[in-house]
Amino acid sequence: MSSVSTITVNSLMILMKQVRSRIGDLRSIRQSSANRTTQYYGETNRNEVVPEYDVKAVDRKVTELETWLFKADSAIKQSNAKTEVSLAVDVDKLLEPLV
């Protein structure tokens, strides 16, 4: 069950940074789990892939976090589209060429 939280844009951007870091960690875990091998020496002398984490579960979590980032980014852009800024400047004068 997901819940809706209202936070400031600044707090959301900080949270997004943390989520991006978490995604990087999860990708690293996914990669190491997919390539983890255990070697057995003795009569058989064989290698066996033994994942430390369920790669599919890690991948689902990465996808969930990436989807959340997309929605958070969209929410920030919608908020910015509604916010007006007043500036005490004449834009035509600001951009006129030097003569």
Protein backbone atom coordinates (compact mmCIF):
# COMPACT_ATOMS: atom_id res chain seq x y z
CA MET A 1 0.00 0.00 0.00
CA SER A 2 1.44 3.35 -0.98
CA SER A 3 0.80 6.53 0.91
CA VAL A 4 0.89 10.10 -0.30
CA SER A 5 3.20 12.48 1.53
CA THR A 6 3.46 16.22 1.13
CA ILE A 7 7.00 17.55 1.44
CA THR A 8 8.88 20.59 0.21
CA VAL A 9 10.64 20.54 -3.15
CA ASN A 10 13.96 20.93 -1.35
CA SER A 11 13.29 17.86 0.84
CA LEU A 12 12.14 15.91 -2.19
CA MET A 13 15.33 16.73 -4.09
CA ILE A 14 17.44 15.57 -1.12
CA LEU A 15 15.41 12.35 -0.94
CA MET A 16 15.86 11.84 -4.69
CA LYS A 17 19.63 12.10 -4.26
CA GLN A 18 19.52 9.39 -1.58
CA VAL A 19 17.33 7.16 -3.77
CA ARG A 20 19.81 7.53 -6.67
CA SER A 21 22.59 6.45 -4.31
CA ARG A 22 20.50 3.45 -3.20
CA ILE A 23 19.87 2.48 -6.83
CA GLY A 24 23.64 2.50 -7.42
CA ASP A 25 24.16 0.25 -4.40
CA LEU A 26 21.43 -2.14 -5.54
CA ARG A 27 22.88 -2.33 -9.06
CA SER A 28 26.23 -3.21 -7.55
CA ILE A 29 24.61 -5.94 -5.45
CA ARG A 30 22.73 -7.25 -8.49
CA GLN A 31 25.93 -7.39 -10.54
CA SER A 32 27.96 -9.12 -7.83
CA SER A 33 25.18 -11.63 -7.14
CA ALA A 34 24.84 -12.47 -10.80
CA ASN A 35 28.57 -13.19 -11.08
CA ARG A 36 29.28 -14.82 -7.70
CA THR A 37 30.85 -18.27 -8.08
CA THR A 38 31.83 -20.83 -5.48
CA GLN A 39 34.67 -23.17 -6.23
CA TYR A 40 34.80 -26.72 -4.94
CA TYR A 41 38.13 -28.50 -4.90
CA GLY A 42 38.55 -32.20 -4.49
CA GLU A 43 37.13 -35.07 -6.45
CA THR A 44 34.85 -33.01 -8.70
CA ASN A 45 36.81 -29.71 -8.92
CA ARG A 46 33.74 -27.74 -10.08
CA ASN A 47 32.46 -24.16 -9.99
CA GLU A 48 28.90 -23.30 -9.07
CA VAL A 49 27.04 -19.99 -9.26
CA VAL A 50 25.55 -19.24 -5.85
CA PRO A 51 23.70 -15.91 -5.76
CA GLU A 52 23.91 -14.03 -2.48
CA TYR A 53 20.68 -12.13 -3.22
CA ASP A 54 17.70 -12.92 -5.39
CA VAL A 55 18.66 -11.05 -8.55
CA LYS A 56 15.03 -10.75 -9.67
CA ALA A 57 14.02 -9.20 -6.33
CA VAL A 58 16.88 -6.71 -6.52
CA ASP A 59 15.90 -5.86 -10.10
CA ARG A 60 12.27 -5.30 -9.05
CA LYS A 61 13.42 -2.92 -6.28
CA VAL A 62 15.65 -1.00 -8.72
CA THR A 63 12.72 -0.66 -11.13
CA GLU A 64 10.43 0.48 -8.29
CA LEU A 65 12.92 3.14 -7.18
CA GLU A 66 13.50 4.35 -10.76
CA THR A 67 9.74 4.66 -11.26
CA TRP A 68 9.48 6.66 -8.03
CA LEU A 69 12.29 8.97 -9.22
CA PHE A 70 10.43 9.56 -12.49
CA LYS A 71 7.23 10.45 -10.61
CA ALA A 72 9.09 12.71 -8.16
CA ASP A 73 10.84 14.52 -11.03
CA SER A 74 7.49 14.97 -12.79
CA ALA A 75 5.94 16.38 -9.61
CA ILE A 76 8.76 18.92 -9.26
CA LYS A 77 8.35 20.00 -12.89
CA GLN A 78 4.58 20.38 -12.45
CA SER A 79 5.19 22.47 -9.34
CA ASN A 80 7.68 24.66 -11.21
CA ALA A 81 5.19 25.16 -14.04
CA LYS A 82 2.68 26.61 -11.56
CA THR A 83 5.12 28.86 -9.71
CA GLU A 84 5.51 32.41 -10.97
CA VAL A 85 8.55 34.52 -10.26
CA SER A 86 8.54 38.31 -10.20
CA LEU A 87 11.73 40.05 -11.25
CA ALA A 88 12.46 43.74 -11.28
CA VAL A 89 14.15 43.71 -14.69
CA ASP A 90 13.34 44.78 -18.23
CA VAL A 91 14.01 41.62 -20.26
CA ASP A 92 14.23 43.58 -23.54
CA LYS A 93 16.99 45.79 -22.12
CA LEU A 94 18.74 42.82 -20.56
CA LEU A 95 19.09 41.01 -23.89
CA GLU A 96 19.63 43.95 -26.25
CA PRO A 97 22.86 43.87 -28.28
CA LEU A 98 25.83 46.10 -27.55
CA VAL A 99 25.98 49.10 -29.85
